[in-house]
Amino acid sequence: MTLTVTFELSENDLEHFRHVMHKVRESSVDGNNDKIIAEALELINLVRKSNASEFIRTRINKLETLIAMLLDTGWDLKGEDRSRVVRALSYFAEPEDLIPDHIPGLGFLDDAIMIELVTQELEHEISAYRDFLVFRAAEVSRRGADADSLSRADWLEERRKQLHSRMRRRRRSDGGKSSKGAFSLF
């Protein structure tokens, strides 16, 4: 028999989680990035070995994406972008979290909530990384290129070409008229 429990976190509840995350981020500003990543990977392993719910496993997959962004040499995240993602992972490196992980059924719930908050905050970075992964997979498939040889610079160049191509197509479809309906000077 299973039991489904549904609950809603209020803005006050979420503010509490944000406050906890903020405190952890402040304490980890000078933290060891490799340790933070290793601890987040350890959380993933703990969840995989447990009988955690699908809700938690889905969030753990999102955590894996964040770690992949940091470890992917083709993506090559640097500077403030890298720092933001590492700071987002800092909660998962804390030995004492809100709900101890060893509590059956609930132990990873706080981690899942934090993952959800972090991925909402980093949604644009995650979206760009997923676009890069699609580009890389397509290029590997199309030209047989080694995935490691494709970089974010290659993806950005391809995006630039696509935007220029779209601009030219739109210009041609306008039939030589400017946006105000008059014929173009060019």
Protein backbone atom coordinates (compact mmCIF):
# COMPACT_ATOMS: atom_id res chain seq x y z
CA MET A 1 0.00 0.00 0.00
CA THR A 2 1.22 3.52 -0.76
CA LEU A 3 0.20 6.84 0.67
CA THR A 4 0.12 10.07 -1.31
CA VAL A 5 0.70 13.25 0.63
CA THR A 6 0.30 16.60 -1.06
CA PHE A 7 1.23 19.86 0.55
CA GLU A 8 1.80 23.42 -0.48
CA LEU A 9 4.62 25.63 0.73
CA SER A 10 3.59 29.21 1.41
CA GLU A 11 5.74 32.19 0.53
CA ASN A 12 6.75 32.31 4.22
CA ASP A 13 7.81 28.66 4.06
CA LEU A 14 9.83 29.29 0.92
CA GLU A 15 11.38 32.37 2.51
CA HIS A 16 12.61 30.14 5.33
CA PHE A 17 14.28 27.82 2.81
CA ARG A 18 15.79 30.80 0.97
CA HIS A 19 17.12 32.16 4.25
CA VAL A 20 18.76 28.83 5.08
CA MET A 21 20.28 28.68 1.59
CA HIS A 22 21.55 32.24 1.90
CA LYS A 23 23.26 31.45 5.22
CA VAL A 24 24.89 28.35 3.72
CA ARG A 25 26.04 30.29 0.65
CA GLU A 26 27.62 32.99 2.81
CA SER A 27 29.54 30.42 4.82
CA SER A 28 30.79 28.68 1.67
CA VAL A 29 31.99 31.73 -0.29
CA ASP A 30 35.59 30.69 0.30
CA GLY A 31 34.67 27.01 0.30
CA ASN A 32 36.38 24.27 -1.59
CA ASN A 33 34.52 23.91 -4.91
CA ASP A 34 35.71 20.34 -5.41
CA LYS A 35 34.42 19.39 -1.95
CA ILE A 36 31.05 20.99 -2.65
CA ILE A 37 30.73 19.06 -5.92
CA ALA A 38 31.86 15.81 -4.26
CA GLU A 39 29.29 16.21 -1.48
CA ALA A 40 26.51 16.88 -4.01
CA LEU A 41 27.59 13.73 -5.89
CA GLU A 42 27.49 11.82 -2.61
CA LEU A 43 23.88 12.98 -2.05
CA ILE A 44 23.00 11.65 -5.50
CA ASN A 45 24.55 8.28 -4.60
CA LEU A 46 22.68 8.16 -1.29
CA VAL A 47 19.36 8.82 -3.02
CA ARG A 48 20.08 6.22 -5.71
CA LYS A 49 20.78 3.60 -3.02
CA SER A 50 17.62 4.49 -1.09
CA ASN A 51 13.99 3.83 -1.87
CA ALA A 52 13.31 7.57 -2.24
CA SER A 53 10.08 8.67 -3.87
CA GLU A 54 9.78 9.61 -7.51
CA PHE A 55 9.38 13.26 -6.45
CA ILE A 56 12.83 13.18 -4.88
CA ARG A 57 14.45 11.15 -7.68
CA THR A 58 13.20 13.67 -10.25
CA ARG A 59 14.81 16.52 -8.32
CA ILE A 60 18.04 14.54 -7.96
CA ASN A 61 18.18 14.32 -11.77
CA LYS A 62 18.07 18.12 -11.81
CA LEU A 63 20.96 18.20 -9.35
CA GLU A 64 22.91 15.97 -11.74
CA THR A 65 22.39 18.54 -14.49
CA LEU A 66 23.87 21.27 -12.31
CA ILE A 67 26.92 19.15 -11.56
CA ALA A 68 27.29 18.25 -15.24
CA MET A 69 27.34 21.97 -16.08
CA LEU A 70 30.36 22.34 -13.81
CA LEU A 71 32.23 19.23 -14.95
CA ASP A 72 31.55 19.43 -18.71
CA THR A 73 34.80 20.63 -20.31
CA GLY A 74 32.97 21.55 -23.52
CA TRP A 75 30.61 23.84 -21.61
CA ASP A 76 33.59 25.28 -19.71
CA LEU A 77 31.66 27.33 -17.18
CA LYS A 78 33.90 30.03 -15.71
CA GLY A 79 33.89 33.09 -13.52
CA GLU A 80 30.69 34.36 -11.95
CA ASP A 81 28.54 31.83 -13.85
CA ARG A 82 30.54 28.94 -12.38
CA SER A 83 30.52 30.55 -8.94
CA ARG A 84 26.71 30.89 -9.00
CA VAL A 85 26.25 27.19 -9.73
CA VAL A 86 28.79 26.12 -7.09
CA ARG A 87 27.12 28.36 -4.50
CA ALA A 88 23.79 26.81 -5.46
CA LEU A 89 25.25 23.38 -4.64
CA SER A 90 26.65 24.50 -1.29
CA TYR A 91 23.56 23.42 0.66
CA PHE A 92 24.16 19.83 -0.40
CA ALA A 93 27.69 19.92 1.07
CA GLU A 94 26.41 20.81 4.54
CA PRO A 95 26.60 17.85 6.93
CA GLU A 96 23.52 19.02 8.84
CA ASP A 97 20.54 19.88 6.71
CA LEU A 98 16.99 20.69 7.76
CA ILE A 99 15.79 17.07 7.71
CA PRO A 100 18.45 14.42 8.42
CA ASP A 101 18.89 12.21 5.35
CA HIS A 102 18.64 8.96 7.32
CA ILE A 103 14.93 9.49 8.17
CA PRO A 104 12.98 7.06 5.96
CA GLY A 105 10.57 8.66 3.52
CA LEU A 106 11.34 12.24 4.54
CA GLY A 107 15.12 12.51 4.82
CA PHE A 108 15.69 13.86 1.34
CA LEU A 109 12.60 16.08 1.22
CA ASP A 110 14.47 19.25 2.22
CA ASP A 111 17.13 18.48 -0.38
CA ALA A 112 14.44 18.07 -3.05
CA ILE A 113 12.86 21.39 -2.08
CA MET A 114 16.24 23.14 -2.20
CA ILE A 115 16.98 21.58 -5.59
CA GLU A 116 13.67 22.92 -6.86
CA LEU A 117 14.43 26.42 -5.59
CA VAL A 118 17.97 26.35 -7.01
CA THR A 119 16.85 25.13 -10.43
CA GLN A 120 14.21 27.84 -10.59
CA GLU A 121 16.88 30.42 -9.84
CA LEU A 122 19.23 28.97 -12.47
CA GLU A 123 16.59 28.16 -15.08
CA HIS A 124 18.24 30.26 -17.81
CA GLU A 125 21.66 28.70 -17.28
CA ILE A 126 20.13 25.21 -17.28
CA SER A 127 18.14 25.95 -20.43
CA ALA A 128 21.26 27.19 -22.23
CA TYR A 129 23.21 24.11 -21.13
CA ARG A 130 20.46 21.79 -22.38
CA ASP A 131 20.47 23.63 -25.73
CA PHE A 132 24.22 23.08 -25.86
CA LEU A 133 23.78 19.36 -25.16
CA VAL A 134 21.23 19.08 -27.99
CA PHE A 135 23.60 20.95 -30.33
CA ARG A 136 26.52 18.71 -29.35
CA ALA A 137 24.53 15.51 -29.79
CA ALA A 138 23.28 16.66 -33.21
CA GLU A 139 26.79 17.60 -34.32
CA VAL A 140 28.22 14.30 -33.13
CA SER A 141 25.49 12.51 -35.04
CA ARG A 142 25.75 14.72 -38.13
CA ARG A 143 29.51 14.90 -38.58
CA GLY A 144 30.71 12.11 -36.37
CA ALA A 145 32.63 14.65 -34.37
CA ASP A 146 33.99 13.71 -30.99
CA ALA A 147 31.73 15.23 -28.33
CA ASP A 148 34.74 16.45 -26.37
CA SER A 149 35.91 18.51 -29.34
CA LEU A 150 32.73 20.60 -29.42
CA SER A 151 32.66 23.62 -27.14
CA ARG A 152 30.34 26.33 -25.99
CA ALA A 153 32.09 28.64 -28.46
CA ASP A 154 31.06 26.28 -31.29
CA TRP A 155 27.48 26.32 -30.04
CA LEU A 156 27.45 30.11 -29.76
CA GLU A 157 28.83 30.46 -33.29
CA GLU A 158 26.12 28.14 -34.59
CA ARG A 159 23.48 30.18 -32.74
CA ARG A 160 24.89 33.38 -34.28
CA LYS A 161 24.65 31.84 -37.77
CA GLN A 162 21.06 30.76 -37.11
CA LEU A 163 20.07 34.25 -35.97
CA HIS A 164 21.66 35.87 -39.02
CA SER A 165 19.96 33.36 -41.30
CA ARG A 166 16.58 34.06 -39.65
CA MET A 167 17.15 37.81 -40.05
CA ARG A 168 17.87 37.40 -43.79
CA ARG A 169 14.82 35.15 -44.28
CA ARG A 170 12.57 37.69 -42.59
CA ARG A 171 14.02 40.48 -44.67
CA ARG A 172 13.34 38.51 -47.88
CA SER A 173 9.79 37.66 -46.78
CA ASP A 174 9.09 41.38 -46.24
CA GLY A 175 9.58 41.83 -50.01
CA GLY A 176 11.99 44.74 -49.72
CA LYS A 177 9.62 46.88 -47.67
CA SER A 178 10.62 48.59 -44.47
CA SER A 179 8.68 48.02 -41.29
CA LYS A 180 6.46 51.06 -42.05
CA GLY A 181 5.36 49.71 -45.42
CA ALA A 182 7.58 52.01 -47.53
CA PHE A 183 10.18 50.58 -49.87
CA SER A 184 13.57 50.10 -48.31
CA LEU A 185 16.44 52.50 -49.00
CA PHE A 186 18.82 49.56 -49.22
